[in-house]
Amino acid sequence: MLYQQLGIQEVWFWQFDRLAIYYLRQDSEQFTATFGYEAINRSKVLPELNIELLTKCIQNPSPLAAAKAFRAGIC
């Protein structure tokens, strides 16, 4: 996978109306189906980020309302 070759530690994908977060493992032989990445529930790069809040805001059809809701949720 290109991400692994570039040494990208964490990748995020929007799948099935939710964020799927994967983290590159050193013991990648265990995770061959995911090209060395392990599915995780919370970002290791941004551990304080509320993924549920971010997902809810992404699903909001209004970019302005989404930005306001996100800002209100992190303050």
Protein backbone atom coordinates (compact mmCIF):
# COMPACT_ATOMS: atom_id res chain seq x y z
CA MET A 1 0.00 0.00 0.00
CA LEU A 2 1.30 3.43 -0.90
CA TYR A 3 0.66 4.84 2.58
CA GLN A 4 2.85 2.19 4.18
CA GLN A 5 5.64 2.75 1.65
CA LEU A 6 5.59 6.45 2.46
CA GLY A 7 5.72 5.69 6.20
CA ILE A 8 2.37 7.33 6.93
CA GLN A 9 1.54 6.27 10.48
CA GLU A 10 -2.20 6.87 10.46
CA VAL A 11 -4.78 6.90 7.69
CA TRP A 12 -8.45 7.83 7.83
CA PHE A 13 -11.15 6.69 5.44
CA TRP A 14 -14.81 7.63 5.24
CA GLN A 15 -16.56 4.25 4.98
CA PHE A 16 -20.22 3.40 5.46
CA ASP A 17 -21.06 6.82 6.94
CA ARG A 18 -18.32 6.66 9.55
CA LEU A 19 -14.63 7.38 9.89
CA ALA A 20 -12.42 4.33 9.78
CA ILE A 21 -9.01 5.01 11.33
CA TYR A 22 -6.00 2.76 10.81
CA TYR A 23 -2.59 2.90 12.47
CA LEU A 24 0.61 1.46 10.99
CA ARG A 25 1.91 -1.40 13.12
CA GLN A 26 5.55 -2.39 13.42
CA ASP A 27 4.53 -6.05 13.58
CA SER A 28 2.80 -5.69 10.23
CA GLU A 29 2.92 -9.42 9.46
CA GLN A 30 -0.06 -9.77 11.82
CA PHE A 31 -2.06 -7.30 9.76
CA THR A 32 -1.44 -8.47 6.20
CA ALA A 33 -5.12 -8.13 5.25
CA THR A 34 -4.93 -4.40 6.03
CA PHE A 35 -1.44 -3.88 4.59
CA GLY A 36 0.16 -3.49 8.02
CA TYR A 37 -2.50 -1.20 9.45
CA GLU A 38 -4.61 -1.94 12.51
CA ALA A 39 -8.13 -0.53 12.85
CA ILE A 40 -8.33 1.75 15.89
CA ASN A 41 -11.18 3.67 17.54
CA ARG A 42 -9.26 6.77 18.56
CA SER A 43 -6.57 8.62 16.68
CA LYS A 44 -3.05 8.17 18.02
CA VAL A 45 -1.96 11.28 16.13
CA LEU A 46 -4.83 13.43 17.47
CA PRO A 47 -5.81 11.59 20.68
CA GLU A 48 -7.95 14.42 22.06
CA LEU A 49 -10.09 14.66 18.92
CA ASN A 50 -13.68 13.56 19.52
CA ILE A 51 -14.29 11.24 16.56
CA GLU A 52 -18.04 11.00 17.25
CA LEU A 53 -18.37 14.79 17.14
CA LEU A 54 -16.32 14.99 13.96
CA THR A 55 -18.42 12.26 12.31
CA LYS A 56 -21.65 14.02 13.28
CA CYS A 57 -20.37 17.29 11.83
CA ILE A 58 -19.22 15.64 8.60
CA GLN A 59 -22.72 14.25 8.13
CA ASN A 60 -24.27 17.71 8.49
CA PRO A 61 -25.34 18.91 5.02
CA SER A 62 -24.57 22.54 5.86
CA PRO A 63 -20.83 23.32 5.99
CA LEU A 64 -21.46 26.45 8.07
CA ALA A 65 -23.67 24.63 10.58
CA ALA A 66 -21.15 21.78 10.72
CA ALA A 67 -18.28 24.17 11.45
CA LYS A 68 -20.30 25.94 14.16
CA ALA A 69 -21.31 22.63 15.77
CA PHE A 70 -17.72 21.39 15.69
CA ARG A 71 -16.37 24.61 17.16
CA ALA A 72 -19.03 24.53 19.90
CA GLY A 73 -18.22 20.89 20.63
CA ILE A 74 -14.49 21.42 21.10
CA CYS A 75 -14.74 24.54 23.27
